[in-house]
């Protein structure tokens, strides 16, 4: 038989203390883990994600690896089925709200160096040195302190806030035929920390319920 058992005040205090300790350990550990690993952002690209939407059968996938130690950004894109040839490709931001709206170009102009212009399908893989102002739109640099460091910090903040999107422009759709908002992929080590904290809390909660032995009464005659 499972019965609720009254906990003395000192045990409740111990539980609360342990709960805070677990959460604090997780919150403290996560930033250190994040600093030690590359931040990975991905996006599914489509015409429906454009603002306003575009009736394009084109699709794509983008991955952006941001290394805040090496201060580099690797951009990888695969796309296919566009209605018209590619003219330009950029990362835009920041939008006023996450996952919504339009914004100016943050990355280099007129387009990513080496992006397959004139194609309706293709792949791209390039790493940018974020210590160079040439990796950014000059206006974006000016608006963020006038230095590459300021532009990098703003770019990183906009990526983290999900207010940045990768956009592929074509001759038929100069404002963009397919795009997608870049979202952070959680690191496995971070998920493990959060999962461990949740398991620990669940374990403490389970102690509130204990199994009580079934009692039997004997009748005397």
Protein backbone atom coordinates (compact mmCIF):
# COMPACT_ATOMS: atom_id res chain seq x y z
CA UNK A 1 0.00 0.00 0.00
CA UNK A 2 1.41 3.40 -0.97
CA UNK A 3 0.79 6.08 1.62
CA UNK A 4 1.72 9.72 2.00
CA UNK A 5 4.09 10.22 4.87
CA UNK A 6 4.53 13.46 6.79
CA UNK A 7 8.02 14.93 6.42
CA UNK A 8 9.55 16.85 9.31
CA UNK A 9 10.61 20.42 8.60
CA UNK A 10 14.32 19.57 8.59
CA UNK A 11 13.78 17.04 5.80
CA UNK A 12 11.89 19.57 3.70
CA UNK A 13 14.77 22.03 4.19
CA UNK A 14 17.25 19.35 3.12
CA UNK A 15 15.19 18.62 -0.02
CA UNK A 16 14.96 22.32 -0.91
CA UNK A 17 18.70 22.76 -0.39
CA UNK A 18 19.52 19.79 -2.59
CA UNK A 19 17.14 21.01 -5.31
CA UNK A 20 18.78 24.42 -5.40
CA UNK A 21 22.22 22.80 -5.45
CA UNK A 22 21.35 20.61 -8.45
CA UNK A 23 19.87 23.49 -10.43
CA UNK A 24 22.80 25.76 -9.59
CA UNK A 25 25.27 23.11 -10.73
CA UNK A 26 23.48 22.73 -14.04
CA UNK A 27 23.22 26.48 -14.66
CA UNK A 28 26.84 27.08 -13.75
CA UNK A 29 28.15 24.20 -15.84
CA UNK A 30 26.24 25.03 -19.01
CA UNK A 31 28.08 28.32 -19.82
CA UNK A 32 31.47 26.66 -19.37
CA UNK A 33 30.47 23.81 -21.67
CA UNK A 34 29.17 26.26 -24.26
CA UNK A 35 32.44 28.20 -24.25
CA UNK A 36 34.39 25.04 -24.91
CA UNK A 37 32.43 23.93 -27.98
CA UNK A 38 31.37 25.30 -31.34
CA UNK A 39 27.80 26.63 -31.43
CA UNK A 40 25.83 25.00 -34.24
CA UNK A 41 22.82 26.66 -35.88
CA UNK A 42 20.67 25.05 -38.57
CA UNK A 43 17.74 26.08 -40.76
CA UNK A 44 15.37 24.44 -43.21
CA UNK A 45 15.02 26.71 -46.23
CA UNK A 46 11.74 27.15 -48.09
CA UNK A 47 9.68 29.66 -50.01
CA UNK A 48 6.97 29.46 -47.36
CA UNK A 49 9.42 30.91 -44.84
CA UNK A 50 9.89 34.08 -46.90
CA UNK A 51 8.03 37.22 -45.83
CA UNK A 52 5.76 37.45 -47.75
CA UNK A 53 5.72 33.73 -48.66
CA UNK A 54 6.95 32.63 -52.08
CA UNK A 55 5.30 29.81 -54.06
CA UNK A 56 8.57 28.07 -54.81
CA UNK A 57 9.19 24.31 -54.87
CA UNK A 58 12.77 25.05 -53.86
CA UNK A 59 14.11 23.64 -50.62
CA UNK A 60 17.38 23.74 -48.79
CA UNK A 61 19.25 23.20 -45.56
CA UNK A 62 21.78 25.51 -43.91
CA UNK A 63 24.23 24.93 -41.09
CA UNK A 64 26.27 27.66 -39.44
CA UNK A 65 29.07 26.75 -37.01
CA UNK A 66 30.13 29.67 -34.85
CA UNK A 67 33.39 29.31 -32.92
CA UNK A 68 33.71 32.14 -30.40
CA UNK A 69 37.26 31.08 -29.50
CA UNK A 70 38.73 30.78 -33.00
CA UNK A 71 36.36 33.62 -34.02
CA UNK A 72 35.26 31.89 -37.20
CA UNK A 73 31.92 31.11 -38.82
CA UNK A 74 31.55 28.13 -41.13
CA UNK A 75 28.55 28.32 -43.48
CA UNK A 76 27.26 25.20 -45.24
CA UNK A 77 24.24 25.23 -47.54
CA UNK A 78 22.53 22.67 -49.77
CA UNK A 79 19.67 23.75 -51.99
CA UNK A 80 17.64 22.38 -54.88
CA UNK A 81 14.57 23.00 -57.03
CA UNK A 82 14.74 26.79 -57.29
CA UNK A 83 12.54 28.41 -59.93
CA UNK A 84 15.29 30.79 -61.05
CA UNK A 85 19.09 31.08 -60.90
CA UNK A 86 20.76 32.23 -57.69
CA UNK A 87 21.99 35.81 -57.54
CA UNK A 88 22.91 36.37 -53.88
CA UNK A 89 23.00 34.67 -50.49
CA UNK A 90 23.37 36.22 -47.02
CA UNK A 91 22.56 35.98 -43.35
CA UNK A 92 20.09 38.71 -42.39
CA UNK A 93 19.26 40.11 -38.98
CA UNK A 94 18.17 41.10 -36.49
CA UNK A 95 14.43 40.80 -37.05
CA UNK A 96 12.14 42.56 -34.58
CA UNK A 97 10.87 39.20 -33.28
CA UNK A 98 12.26 35.65 -33.42
CA UNK A 99 11.15 33.57 -36.42
CA UNK A 100 9.38 36.51 -38.04
CA UNK A 101 9.92 39.58 -40.20
CA UNK A 102 12.61 40.95 -42.46
CA UNK A 103 15.96 42.55 -41.69
CA UNK A 104 19.09 43.89 -43.33
CA UNK A 105 22.15 41.91 -44.32
CA UNK A 106 24.72 41.19 -41.59
CA UNK A 107 27.26 39.21 -43.61
CA UNK A 108 29.51 40.25 -46.46
CA UNK A 109 28.25 41.97 -49.61
CA UNK A 110 27.37 41.58 -52.35
CA UNK A 111 27.07 37.89 -51.44
CA UNK A 112 28.86 35.03 -49.68
CA UNK A 113 32.20 34.62 -51.44
CA UNK A 114 32.10 31.60 -53.72
CA UNK A 115 28.35 30.98 -53.42
CA UNK A 116 27.12 29.18 -56.58
CA UNK A 117 25.55 32.07 -58.51
CA UNK A 118 23.49 31.16 -61.57
CA UNK A 119 22.52 27.74 -60.22
CA UNK A 120 19.10 26.39 -59.26
CA UNK A 121 20.63 23.69 -57.09
CA UNK A 122 23.98 23.25 -55.44
CA UNK A 123 26.10 23.09 -52.32
CA UNK A 124 28.28 25.57 -50.47
CA UNK A 125 30.92 25.34 -47.74
CA UNK A 126 32.99 28.32 -46.63
CA UNK A 127 34.62 29.46 -43.38
CA UNK A 128 34.77 33.17 -42.57
CA UNK A 129 37.30 34.93 -40.36
CA UNK A 130 35.20 37.12 -38.09
CA UNK A 131 38.18 39.24 -37.07
CA UNK A 132 38.01 40.79 -40.56
CA UNK A 133 35.56 43.58 -41.30
CA UNK A 134 35.27 42.20 -44.83
CA UNK A 135 33.31 39.24 -43.42
CA UNK A 136 30.44 41.63 -42.66
CA UNK A 137 28.21 44.15 -44.35
CA UNK A 138 29.98 47.51 -43.89
CA UNK A 139 26.76 49.12 -42.66
CA UNK A 140 26.34 46.39 -40.06
CA UNK A 141 29.89 47.06 -38.82
CA UNK A 142 29.20 50.79 -38.60
CA UNK A 143 25.98 50.21 -36.67
CA UNK A 144 27.76 48.02 -34.13
CA UNK A 145 30.70 50.03 -32.92
CA UNK A 146 32.60 50.35 -36.17
CA UNK A 147 34.77 47.29 -35.53
CA UNK A 148 34.80 43.64 -36.55
CA UNK A 149 34.64 42.71 -32.85
CA UNK A 150 31.44 44.72 -32.40
CA UNK A 151 29.91 43.21 -35.53
CA UNK A 152 30.83 39.70 -34.38
CA UNK A 153 29.25 40.26 -30.96
CA UNK A 154 26.06 41.53 -32.58
CA UNK A 155 25.97 38.64 -35.04
CA UNK A 156 26.42 36.13 -32.21
CA UNK A 157 23.68 37.75 -30.15
CA UNK A 158 21.27 37.78 -33.08
CA UNK A 159 21.96 34.10 -33.84
CA UNK A 160 21.39 33.16 -30.20
CA UNK A 161 18.11 35.10 -30.12
CA UNK A 162 16.80 33.28 -33.24
CA UNK A 163 16.45 36.62 -35.01
CA UNK A 164 18.69 35.74 -37.96
CA UNK A 165 17.84 33.96 -41.19
CA UNK A 166 19.81 32.66 -44.15
CA UNK A 167 18.31 33.89 -47.42
CA UNK A 168 18.92 32.76 -51.01
CA UNK A 169 17.98 35.38 -53.62
CA UNK A 170 17.24 34.56 -57.27
CA UNK A 171 16.57 36.46 -60.49
CA UNK A 172 12.83 35.78 -60.16
CA UNK A 173 12.72 36.71 -56.48
CA UNK A 174 15.24 39.49 -55.74
CA UNK A 175 14.13 39.69 -52.09
CA UNK A 176 14.64 35.98 -51.61
CA UNK A 177 13.22 32.72 -52.98
CA UNK A 178 13.94 30.48 -50.00
CA UNK A 179 15.07 31.19 -46.47
CA UNK A 180 15.05 29.81 -42.94
CA UNK A 181 15.63 31.10 -39.41
CA UNK A 182 18.78 29.70 -37.83
CA UNK A 183 18.20 27.77 -34.61
CA UNK A 184 20.74 26.57 -32.07
CA UNK A 185 21.25 22.81 -31.83
CA UNK A 186 21.66 21.87 -28.13
CA UNK A 187 25.02 20.34 -27.27
CA UNK A 188 24.91 16.69 -26.10
CA UNK A 189 26.83 17.56 -22.94
CA UNK A 190 24.33 20.31 -22.10
CA UNK A 191 21.42 17.94 -22.57
CA UNK A 192 23.13 15.41 -20.31
CA UNK A 193 23.55 18.00 -17.56
CA UNK A 194 19.92 19.08 -17.78
CA UNK A 195 18.76 15.48 -17.88
CA UNK A 196 20.83 14.61 -14.83
CA UNK A 197 19.31 17.49 -12.90
CA UNK A 198 15.79 16.40 -13.83
CA UNK A 199 16.48 12.80 -12.79
CA UNK A 200 17.86 14.00 -9.47
CA UNK A 201 14.78 16.10 -8.77
CA UNK A 202 12.50 13.24 -9.72
CA UNK A 203 14.35 10.99 -7.32
CA UNK A 204 13.86 13.39 -4.42
CA UNK A 205 10.20 13.80 -5.22
CA UNK A 206 9.73 10.06 -5.21
CA UNK A 207 10.93 9.92 -1.61
CA UNK A 208 7.80 11.71 -0.54
CA UNK A 209 5.87 8.53 -1.15
CA UNK A 210 6.85 5.36 0.68
CA UNK A 211 5.43 1.91 0.87
CA UNK A 212 3.71 1.18 4.16
CA UNK A 213 3.28 -2.43 5.28
CA UNK A 214 -0.24 -3.81 5.28
CA UNK A 215 -1.39 -4.20 8.89
CA UNK A 216 -3.58 -7.01 10.09
CA UNK A 217 -5.67 -7.08 13.22
CA UNK A 218 -6.37 -10.22 15.10
CA UNK A 219 -9.60 -10.51 16.90
CA UNK A 220 -9.47 -12.16 20.29
CA UNK A 221 -12.41 -14.17 21.47
